[in-house]
Amino acid sequence: MGAGILLAEIQQTCDITYRIYDWDRVDEKGNPREMHTELALDAIDFKFYGKYRTDYKSELNQTTGIADCKYFTTGLLYFDKPVEKDFSLIDSFVIYVCLEGKININYGTGLSESIVAGETVLIPAMIKNLNLVPQGTARTLEVYIKQLYIT
């Protein structure tokens, strides 16, 4: 990717892997793993996008939407004070990816998890209310599925 780039790959569940190159890795028998060059080439979008950035305006202490599709919703939360979250209207897990700082995630009756930059936590769908408490200033990605789709 290059120096100074932080990449978070968020995707739908899929059992398909198309390998174009595998850095000379081998399977359990020592054989090169199967490549899927033609299938991968058929799946790649080669269209040039001149402006390939997602525009968003982050607001302090509020989740800002940055990606939304039928498979997942992703927001960015930049905050410096506790933020309460109510997920009672969605039937999904919630994933927090800490990008900066340290965050305490309080839920239930006195239960808590903490994450720091580079760490991720998955909140089960049964937990509907959270209190996110930054230690100073923090940034996190918030990912969930608005509506579960069966394919």
N, C-alpha and C. Protein backbone atom coordinates (compact mmCIF):
# COMPACT_ATOMS: atom_id res chain seq x y z
N MET A 1 0.82 -1.18 0.00
CA MET A 1 0.00 0.00 0.00
C MET A 1 0.87 1.26 0.00
N GLY A 2 1.91 1.26 0.78
CA GLY A 2 2.79 2.41 0.83
C GLY A 2 2.92 2.96 2.24
N ALA A 3 3.96 3.71 2.45
CA ALA A 3 4.25 4.27 3.77
C ALA A 3 3.16 5.24 4.20
N GLY A 4 2.82 5.20 5.48
CA GLY A 4 1.87 6.15 6.05
C GLY A 4 0.42 5.86 5.75
N ILE A 5 0.11 4.72 5.15
CA ILE A 5 -1.28 4.39 4.81
C ILE A 5 -1.83 3.39 5.82
N LEU A 6 -2.99 3.70 6.36
CA LEU A 6 -3.73 2.79 7.22
C LEU A 6 -4.88 2.25 6.40
N LEU A 7 -4.97 0.95 6.27
CA LEU A 7 -5.99 0.33 5.44
C LEU A 7 -6.87 -0.57 6.29
N ALA A 8 -8.17 -0.36 6.22
CA ALA A 8 -9.14 -1.24 6.88
C ALA A 8 -9.97 -1.88 5.78
N GLU A 9 -9.92 -3.19 5.67
CA GLU A 9 -10.69 -3.89 4.65
C GLU A 9 -11.97 -4.40 5.29
N ILE A 10 -13.08 -3.83 4.87
CA ILE A 10 -14.39 -4.22 5.38
C ILE A 10 -15.15 -4.81 4.20
N GLN A 11 -15.65 -6.02 4.38
CA GLN A 11 -16.29 -6.69 3.26
C GLN A 11 -17.39 -7.60 3.75
N GLN A 12 -18.22 -8.01 2.82
CA GLN A 12 -19.26 -8.97 3.13
C GLN A 12 -18.63 -10.35 3.28
N THR A 13 -19.32 -11.24 3.96
CA THR A 13 -18.85 -12.60 4.11
C THR A 13 -18.86 -13.29 2.75
N CYS A 14 -17.77 -13.96 2.44
CA CYS A 14 -17.66 -14.60 1.14
C CYS A 14 -16.68 -15.76 1.25
N ASP A 15 -16.98 -16.87 0.62
CA ASP A 15 -16.09 -18.02 0.64
C ASP A 15 -15.24 -18.11 -0.63
N ILE A 16 -15.10 -17.01 -1.35
CA ILE A 16 -14.35 -17.01 -2.61
C ILE A 16 -13.05 -16.25 -2.43
N THR A 17 -11.95 -16.86 -2.85
CA THR A 17 -10.66 -16.19 -2.91
C THR A 17 -10.08 -16.42 -4.29
N TYR A 18 -9.77 -15.33 -4.97
CA TYR A 18 -9.12 -15.42 -6.27
C TYR A 18 -7.67 -14.98 -6.08
N ARG A 19 -6.74 -15.90 -6.27
CA ARG A 19 -5.33 -15.57 -6.13
C ARG A 19 -4.73 -15.23 -7.48
N ILE A 20 -4.12 -14.04 -7.55
CA ILE A 20 -3.40 -13.64 -8.76
C ILE A 20 -1.91 -13.93 -8.57
N TYR A 21 -1.44 -13.65 -7.37
CA TYR A 21 -0.06 -13.95 -7.00
C TYR A 21 -0.06 -14.28 -5.53
N ASP A 22 0.76 -15.23 -5.10
CA ASP A 22 0.69 -15.71 -3.73
C ASP A 22 2.03 -15.65 -3.01
N TRP A 23 2.93 -14.79 -3.46
CA TRP A 23 4.22 -14.58 -2.81
C TRP A 23 4.96 -15.90 -2.57
N ASP A 24 4.84 -16.83 -3.53
CA ASP A 24 5.52 -18.11 -3.51
C ASP A 24 5.19 -18.98 -2.30
N ARG A 25 4.02 -18.78 -1.71
CA ARG A 25 3.58 -19.63 -0.61
C ARG A 25 3.18 -20.99 -1.15
N VAL A 26 3.24 -21.99 -0.27
CA VAL A 26 2.91 -23.35 -0.67
C VAL A 26 1.84 -23.92 0.25
N ASP A 27 1.18 -25.00 -0.21
CA ASP A 27 0.17 -25.66 0.61
C ASP A 27 0.85 -26.59 1.61
N GLU A 28 0.04 -27.37 2.34
CA GLU A 28 0.59 -28.25 3.37
C GLU A 28 1.48 -29.36 2.82
N LYS A 29 1.41 -29.63 1.51
CA LYS A 29 2.24 -30.66 0.88
C LYS A 29 3.46 -30.06 0.20
N GLY A 30 3.63 -28.74 0.32
CA GLY A 30 4.79 -28.09 -0.29
C GLY A 30 4.59 -27.68 -1.73
N ASN A 31 3.37 -27.83 -2.25
CA ASN A 31 3.07 -27.44 -3.63
C ASN A 31 2.61 -25.99 -3.70
N PRO A 32 2.93 -25.31 -4.81
CA PRO A 32 2.41 -23.94 -4.97
C PRO A 32 0.89 -23.96 -4.94
N ARG A 33 0.30 -22.97 -4.30
CA ARG A 33 -1.16 -22.92 -4.22
C ARG A 33 -1.74 -22.51 -5.58
N GLU A 34 -2.98 -22.94 -5.82
CA GLU A 34 -3.66 -22.67 -7.08
C GLU A 34 -3.86 -21.18 -7.29
N MET A 35 -3.59 -20.73 -8.51
CA MET A 35 -3.84 -19.34 -8.88
C MET A 35 -5.17 -19.27 -9.63
N HIS A 36 -5.81 -18.11 -9.60
CA HIS A 36 -7.12 -17.91 -10.23
C HIS A 36 -7.08 -16.65 -11.09
N THR A 37 -6.08 -16.53 -11.91
CA THR A 37 -5.82 -15.30 -12.66
C THR A 37 -7.00 -14.89 -13.53
N GLU A 38 -7.53 -15.79 -14.31
CA GLU A 38 -8.63 -15.44 -15.22
C GLU A 38 -9.89 -15.04 -14.44
N LEU A 39 -10.21 -15.79 -13.41
CA LEU A 39 -11.39 -15.45 -12.60
C LEU A 39 -11.20 -14.08 -11.93
N ALA A 40 -10.01 -13.83 -11.43
CA ALA A 40 -9.73 -12.55 -10.78
C ALA A 40 -9.84 -11.40 -11.78
N LEU A 41 -9.28 -11.59 -12.97
CA LEU A 41 -9.36 -10.54 -13.98
C LEU A 41 -10.80 -10.23 -14.37
N ASP A 42 -11.64 -11.25 -14.38
CA ASP A 42 -13.06 -11.04 -14.69
C ASP A 42 -13.77 -10.26 -13.57
N ALA A 43 -13.29 -10.40 -12.33
CA ALA A 43 -13.95 -9.76 -11.19
C ALA A 43 -13.43 -8.35 -10.89
N ILE A 44 -12.27 -8.00 -11.41
CA ILE A 44 -11.67 -6.69 -11.10
C ILE A 44 -12.35 -5.58 -11.89
N ASP A 45 -12.62 -4.48 -11.23
CA ASP A 45 -13.16 -3.28 -11.87
C ASP A 45 -11.97 -2.43 -12.32
N PHE A 46 -11.70 -2.40 -13.61
CA PHE A 46 -10.54 -1.68 -14.13
C PHE A 46 -10.85 -0.22 -14.47
N LYS A 47 -12.05 0.23 -14.18
CA LYS A 47 -12.42 1.61 -14.48
C LYS A 47 -11.54 2.57 -13.68
N PHE A 48 -11.10 3.64 -14.33
CA PHE A 48 -10.30 4.66 -13.66
C PHE A 48 -11.23 5.64 -12.95
N TYR A 49 -10.98 5.85 -11.68
CA TYR A 49 -11.74 6.81 -10.89
C TYR A 49 -10.79 7.95 -10.55
N GLY A 50 -10.99 9.11 -11.16
CA GLY A 50 -10.10 10.24 -10.97
C GLY A 50 -10.05 10.72 -9.53
N LYS A 51 -11.17 10.69 -8.86
CA LYS A 51 -11.23 11.11 -7.46
C LYS A 51 -11.72 9.91 -6.66
N TYR A 52 -10.80 9.15 -6.13
CA TYR A 52 -11.15 7.91 -5.46
C TYR A 52 -11.04 8.04 -3.95
N ARG A 53 -11.64 9.07 -3.44
CA ARG A 53 -11.71 9.28 -1.99
C ARG A 53 -13.16 9.47 -1.61
N THR A 54 -13.49 9.03 -0.43
CA THR A 54 -14.84 9.24 0.08
C THR A 54 -14.87 10.57 0.81
N ASP A 55 -15.70 11.46 0.33
CA ASP A 55 -15.83 12.76 0.98
C ASP A 55 -16.76 12.64 2.18
N TYR A 56 -16.35 13.19 3.28
CA TYR A 56 -17.18 13.24 4.47
C TYR A 56 -16.71 14.40 5.32
N LYS A 57 -17.58 14.89 6.15
CA LYS A 57 -17.23 15.97 7.06
C LYS A 57 -17.43 15.44 8.48
N SER A 58 -16.34 15.20 9.16
CA SER A 58 -16.39 14.66 10.50
C SER A 58 -16.83 15.72 11.50
N GLU A 59 -17.76 15.34 12.39
CA GLU A 59 -18.21 16.22 13.45
C GLU A 59 -17.80 15.61 14.78
N LEU A 60 -17.22 16.42 15.63
CA LEU A 60 -16.75 15.96 16.92
C LEU A 60 -17.90 15.37 17.73
N ASN A 61 -17.65 14.20 18.31
CA ASN A 61 -18.58 13.50 19.20
C ASN A 61 -19.85 12.99 18.52
N GLN A 62 -19.80 12.81 17.20
CA GLN A 62 -20.90 12.22 16.44
C GLN A 62 -20.32 11.26 15.40
N THR A 63 -21.04 10.17 15.15
CA THR A 63 -20.61 9.26 14.10
C THR A 63 -20.96 9.86 12.75
N THR A 64 -19.98 9.92 11.87
CA THR A 64 -20.15 10.43 10.52
C THR A 64 -20.14 9.25 9.56
N GLY A 65 -21.19 9.11 8.75
CA GLY A 65 -21.25 8.02 7.78
C GLY A 65 -20.21 8.20 6.68
N ILE A 66 -19.49 7.11 6.38
CA ILE A 66 -18.50 7.19 5.29
C ILE A 66 -18.73 6.13 4.22
N ALA A 67 -19.47 5.06 4.53
CA ALA A 67 -19.80 4.05 3.53
C ALA A 67 -21.09 3.36 3.95
N ASP A 68 -21.97 3.15 2.98
CA ASP A 68 -23.25 2.53 3.28
C ASP A 68 -23.71 1.75 2.06
N CYS A 69 -23.89 0.46 2.23
CA CYS A 69 -24.41 -0.38 1.15
C CYS A 69 -25.26 -1.48 1.79
N LYS A 70 -25.80 -2.36 0.99
CA LYS A 70 -26.67 -3.38 1.57
C LYS A 70 -25.90 -4.40 2.40
N TYR A 71 -24.59 -4.43 2.27
CA TYR A 71 -23.80 -5.42 3.00
C TYR A 71 -23.27 -4.91 4.33
N PHE A 72 -22.99 -3.62 4.43
CA PHE A 72 -22.50 -3.06 5.68
C PHE A 72 -22.59 -1.54 5.67
N THR A 73 -22.54 -0.97 6.87
CA THR A 73 -22.51 0.47 7.06
C THR A 73 -21.27 0.79 7.88
N THR A 74 -20.52 1.79 7.46
CA THR A 74 -19.30 2.17 8.17
C THR A 74 -19.35 3.66 8.48
N GLY A 75 -19.04 3.98 9.72
CA GLY A 75 -18.98 5.37 10.15
C GLY A 75 -17.66 5.64 10.85
N LEU A 76 -17.35 6.91 10.98
CA LEU A 76 -16.15 7.35 11.69
C LEU A 76 -16.60 8.17 12.88
N LEU A 77 -16.09 7.83 14.04
CA LEU A 77 -16.40 8.57 15.25
C LEU A 77 -15.12 9.18 15.79
N TYR A 78 -15.08 10.51 15.80
CA TYR A 78 -13.97 11.27 16.36
C TYR A 78 -14.54 11.94 17.60
N PHE A 79 -14.01 11.61 18.78
CA PHE A 79 -14.65 12.09 19.99
C PHE A 79 -13.68 12.33 21.13
N ASP A 80 -14.08 13.27 22.01
CA ASP A 80 -13.24 13.62 23.16
C ASP A 80 -14.04 13.60 24.46
N LYS A 81 -15.28 13.10 24.38
CA LYS A 81 -16.10 12.94 25.59
C LYS A 81 -16.95 11.69 25.41
N PRO A 82 -17.53 11.15 26.47
CA PRO A 82 -18.34 9.93 26.35
C PRO A 82 -19.48 10.09 25.35
N VAL A 83 -19.73 9.02 24.60
CA VAL A 83 -20.80 8.98 23.61
C VAL A 83 -21.64 7.74 23.88
N GLU A 84 -22.94 7.94 24.02
CA GLU A 84 -23.85 6.82 24.22
C GLU A 84 -24.35 6.31 22.87
N LYS A 85 -24.43 5.00 22.73
CA LYS A 85 -24.90 4.37 21.50
C LYS A 85 -26.09 3.48 21.79
N ASP A 86 -27.12 3.60 20.96
CA ASP A 86 -28.32 2.79 21.07
C ASP A 86 -28.50 2.04 19.75
N PHE A 87 -28.28 0.73 19.77
CA PHE A 87 -28.41 -0.09 18.56
C PHE A 87 -29.67 -0.94 18.59
N SER A 88 -30.69 -0.49 19.31
CA SER A 88 -31.91 -1.27 19.44
C SER A 88 -32.68 -1.40 18.12
N LEU A 89 -32.41 -0.53 17.15
CA LEU A 89 -33.13 -0.59 15.88
C LEU A 89 -32.42 -1.43 14.82
N ILE A 90 -31.26 -1.98 15.15
CA ILE A 90 -30.58 -2.85 14.19
C ILE A 90 -30.44 -4.24 14.80
N ASP A 91 -30.38 -5.24 13.95
CA ASP A 91 -30.20 -6.62 14.39
C ASP A 91 -28.85 -7.09 13.85
N SER A 92 -27.79 -6.53 14.41
CA SER A 92 -26.46 -6.81 13.90
C SER A 92 -25.43 -6.66 15.00
N PHE A 93 -24.34 -7.35 14.81
CA PHE A 93 -23.14 -7.08 15.60
C PHE A 93 -22.66 -5.67 15.26
N VAL A 94 -21.78 -5.12 16.07
CA VAL A 94 -21.13 -3.85 15.76
C VAL A 94 -19.64 -4.07 15.97
N ILE A 95 -18.85 -3.59 15.03
CA ILE A 95 -17.40 -3.71 15.13
C ILE A 95 -16.82 -2.31 15.32
N TYR A 96 -15.92 -2.18 16.29
CA TYR A 96 -15.18 -0.94 16.47
C TYR A 96 -13.71 -1.21 16.18
N VAL A 97 -13.14 -0.40 15.29
CA VAL A 97 -11.72 -0.46 14.95
C VAL A 97 -11.11 0.84 15.46
N CYS A 98 -10.29 0.75 16.48
CA CYS A 98 -9.70 1.95 17.06
C CYS A 98 -8.56 2.44 16.17
N LEU A 99 -8.70 3.66 15.67
CA LEU A 99 -7.71 4.26 14.78
C LEU A 99 -6.71 5.15 15.54
N GLU A 100 -7.18 5.70 16.65
CA GLU A 100 -6.35 6.65 17.39
C GLU A 100 -6.81 6.69 18.84
N GLY A 101 -5.87 6.69 19.77
CA GLY A 101 -6.20 6.83 21.18
C GLY A 101 -6.57 5.54 21.85
N LYS A 102 -7.29 5.66 22.95
CA LYS A 102 -7.78 4.52 23.74
C LYS A 102 -9.25 4.75 24.04
N ILE A 103 -10.03 3.67 23.95
CA ILE A 103 -11.47 3.76 24.16
C ILE A 103 -11.90 2.69 25.15
N ASN A 104 -12.67 3.09 26.15
CA ASN A 104 -13.33 2.13 27.03
C ASN A 104 -14.76 1.97 26.53
N ILE A 105 -15.18 0.73 26.38
CA ILE A 105 -16.53 0.43 25.91
C ILE A 105 -17.28 -0.18 27.08
N ASN A 106 -18.23 0.56 27.62
CA ASN A 106 -19.00 0.12 28.78
C ASN A 106 -20.37 -0.38 28.32
N TYR A 107 -20.82 -1.51 28.89
CA TYR A 107 -22.10 -2.09 28.52
C TYR A 107 -22.62 -2.92 29.69
N GLY A 108 -23.88 -3.27 29.61
CA GLY A 108 -24.47 -4.09 30.66
C GLY A 108 -24.38 -3.41 32.01
N THR A 109 -24.24 -4.21 33.03
CA THR A 109 -24.15 -3.69 34.39
C THR A 109 -22.69 -3.74 34.84
N GLY A 110 -21.97 -2.67 34.53
CA GLY A 110 -20.58 -2.57 34.97
C GLY A 110 -19.57 -3.34 34.15
N LEU A 111 -19.94 -3.83 32.96
CA LEU A 111 -19.01 -4.56 32.11
C LEU A 111 -18.28 -3.58 31.20
N SER A 112 -17.03 -3.92 30.83
CA SER A 112 -16.24 -2.98 30.04
C SER A 112 -15.17 -3.71 29.24
N GLU A 113 -14.87 -3.19 28.08
CA GLU A 113 -13.75 -3.63 27.24
C GLU A 113 -12.98 -2.38 26.86
N SER A 114 -11.69 -2.49 26.65
CA SER A 114 -10.88 -1.37 26.20
C SER A 114 -10.14 -1.75 24.94
N ILE A 115 -10.02 -0.78 24.03
CA ILE A 115 -9.21 -0.98 22.83
C ILE A 115 -8.34 0.25 22.63
N VAL A 116 -7.18 0.01 22.02
CA VAL A 116 -6.26 1.09 21.69
C VAL A 116 -6.02 1.07 20.18
N ALA A 117 -5.36 2.10 19.69
CA ALA A 117 -5.10 2.20 18.25
C ALA A 117 -4.55 0.89 17.70
N GLY A 118 -5.18 0.42 16.63
CA GLY A 118 -4.77 -0.82 15.98
C GLY A 118 -5.55 -2.04 16.44
N GLU A 119 -6.38 -1.90 17.45
CA GLU A 119 -7.16 -3.02 17.95
C GLU A 119 -8.62 -2.92 17.51
N THR A 120 -9.27 -4.08 17.49
CA THR A 120 -10.66 -4.19 17.05
C THR A 120 -11.45 -4.98 18.08
N VAL A 121 -12.72 -4.61 18.24
CA VAL A 121 -13.60 -5.38 19.12
C VAL A 121 -14.92 -5.61 18.39
N LEU A 122 -15.48 -6.80 18.55
CA LEU A 122 -16.78 -7.14 17.97
C LEU A 122 -17.79 -7.17 19.11
N ILE A 123 -18.81 -6.35 18.98
CA ILE A 123 -19.88 -6.28 19.98
C ILE A 123 -21.03 -7.16 19.48
N PRO A 124 -21.43 -8.18 20.23
CA PRO A 124 -22.52 -9.06 19.79
C PRO A 124 -23.83 -8.30 19.59
N ALA A 125 -24.68 -8.82 18.72
CA ALA A 125 -25.96 -8.18 18.40
C ALA A 125 -26.88 -8.07 19.61
N MET A 126 -26.69 -8.92 20.59
CA MET A 126 -27.57 -8.89 21.77
C MET A 126 -27.30 -7.67 22.67
N ILE A 127 -26.14 -7.03 22.51
CA ILE A 127 -25.83 -5.83 23.28
C ILE A 127 -26.33 -4.63 22.50
N LYS A 128 -27.31 -3.94 23.03
CA LYS A 128 -27.97 -2.86 22.30
C LYS A 128 -27.55 -1.46 22.73
N ASN A 129 -27.00 -1.34 23.93
CA ASN A 129 -26.62 -0.02 24.44
C ASN A 129 -25.17 -0.03 24.92
N LEU A 130 -24.44 0.98 24.50
CA LEU A 130 -23.02 1.11 24.85
C LEU A 130 -22.74 2.53 25.29
N ASN A 131 -21.71 2.67 26.07
CA ASN A 131 -21.19 3.99 26.39
C ASN A 131 -19.70 3.95 26.02
N LEU A 132 -19.32 4.73 25.01
CA LEU A 132 -17.94 4.79 24.56
C LEU A 132 -17.25 5.95 25.26
N VAL A 133 -16.17 5.65 25.95
CA VAL A 133 -15.47 6.67 26.73
C VAL A 133 -14.03 6.76 26.24
N PRO A 134 -13.68 7.88 25.58
CA PRO A 134 -12.30 8.03 25.12
C PRO A 134 -11.39 8.46 26.27
N GLN A 135 -10.16 8.03 26.21
CA GLN A 135 -9.15 8.50 27.16
C GLN A 135 -8.40 9.62 26.43
N GLY A 136 -8.87 10.83 26.57
CA GLY A 136 -8.37 11.95 25.77
C GLY A 136 -9.19 12.03 24.51
N THR A 137 -8.53 12.12 23.36
CA THR A 137 -9.21 12.15 22.07
C THR A 137 -9.02 10.81 21.39
N ALA A 138 -10.06 10.31 20.73
CA ALA A 138 -9.98 9.02 20.05
C ALA A 138 -10.73 9.07 18.73
N ARG A 139 -10.33 8.17 17.81
CA ARG A 139 -11.03 7.98 16.54
C ARG A 139 -11.24 6.49 16.36
N THR A 140 -12.44 6.13 15.90
CA THR A 140 -12.75 4.72 15.67
C THR A 140 -13.66 4.56 14.46
N LEU A 141 -13.51 3.46 13.78
CA LEU A 141 -14.48 3.07 12.76
C LEU A 141 -15.58 2.29 13.47
N GLU A 142 -16.81 2.47 13.02
CA GLU A 142 -17.98 1.77 13.56
C GLU A 142 -18.64 1.06 12.38
N VAL A 143 -18.72 -0.26 12.45
CA VAL A 143 -19.22 -1.05 11.32
C VAL A 143 -20.34 -1.97 11.79
N TYR A 144 -21.43 -2.01 11.03
CA TYR A 144 -22.53 -2.92 11.33
C TYR A 144 -23.32 -3.17 10.06
N ILE A 145 -24.27 -4.08 10.16
CA ILE A 145 -25.16 -4.39 9.04
C ILE A 145 -26.53 -3.83 9.39
N LYS A 146 -27.03 -2.93 8.53
CA LYS A 146 -28.36 -2.34 8.80
C LYS A 146 -29.45 -3.38 8.79
N GLN A 147 -29.39 -4.24 7.81
CA GLN A 147 -30.41 -5.28 7.65
C GLN A 147 -29.69 -6.53 7.19
N LEU A 148 -29.91 -7.64 7.86
CA LEU A 148 -29.26 -8.88 7.46
C LEU A 148 -29.90 -9.42 6.20
N TYR A 149 -29.08 -9.76 5.23
CA TYR A 149 -29.56 -10.30 3.96
C TYR A 149 -29.17 -11.76 3.88
N ILE A 150 -30.07 -12.56 3.42
CA ILE A 150 -29.79 -13.98 3.21
C ILE A 150 -29.65 -14.19 1.71
N THR A 151 -28.49 -14.72 1.32
CA THR A 151 -28.25 -14.93 -0.11
C THR A 151 -28.17 -16.39 -0.44
